[in-house]
Amino acid sequence: MKSSRKKYKRSTIHYSETDGLILGFTETNSEIEDVKEFFDAEKVLQLEQVHGNKILFSDEIIGFPDGDGIILKEKNVIAAIRTADCTPLFFWLPDETTAGVIHIGWRGLHSKIGENLLNILRQKGTDTFDLRFFTGPAIEGKCYTVQKDVVDLFKDSNFSQKIFEKTQAGYLMDVTKGIELCLTGNGIPEKNITHSGICTFCNKNFPSYRRGDRENRIFNFIFLR
């Protein structure tokens, strides 16, 4: 994919593109309407994100329904997820017939939204082994402290020891690592998963709820041309 960073009106937009697919994310103080106008998209789909595991197909979305993931069925329609430390997980097939994005924090990871995505796609006949995944800007494990009650929720998972590290202040939690382990544990090749490497807590170009920015959000977007 060819990657670019552009300033357009009020917004700074990072994006990667192929002939048939565009995905990306914005910085602080950006507007999703700028993204829509910049790419001349038909419309933007968003959800009332609830930190669960509900994923909707784009043709099911009217208004702002509850949910945390969108699977695209139309072209030139933007699927957008808002984050400010949680992990946006983009996915697509190389033939660019299937694409979407989901929102995952520790609650979404615990409610198995990743597994739910794979199950939905498999039920629709998608060969998920071919899916490509990309995690956008999110708080890194070294910066994200949780308490023992969160750790206890994952005690029965097969990757809990790999995503938590005990410290004097509590436990560091690497949600993005947990997402990767969830995917690989469900048949996705590790080589099919890539990461932005941007920590929202460390990089002040991006909003971070843990850093005290309670108003701004990153818009993580994907659409089929």
Foldseek 3Di string as FASTA:
>chain_A
DDWDWDDFDQWIWIWDDDPWKIWTKTFWRDDVVRVCVVVVAPEEFEAPEDQAQDEEEPVVDDDHYYDFKYKYQDFSYKYKGWAFAWKKKWKAAPVRRIIIIGTHDLSHLLNPNVVVVVVVCVVVVDPCQRMAMEIEEHAAQVGDFDAVVSLVSCPPPPCSVPAWDQDPVHIRGGVVVSSLCSCVVVNHDSVRYYYPPHHSCPDVRHHHVVVPPPDIIMIIIMGTD
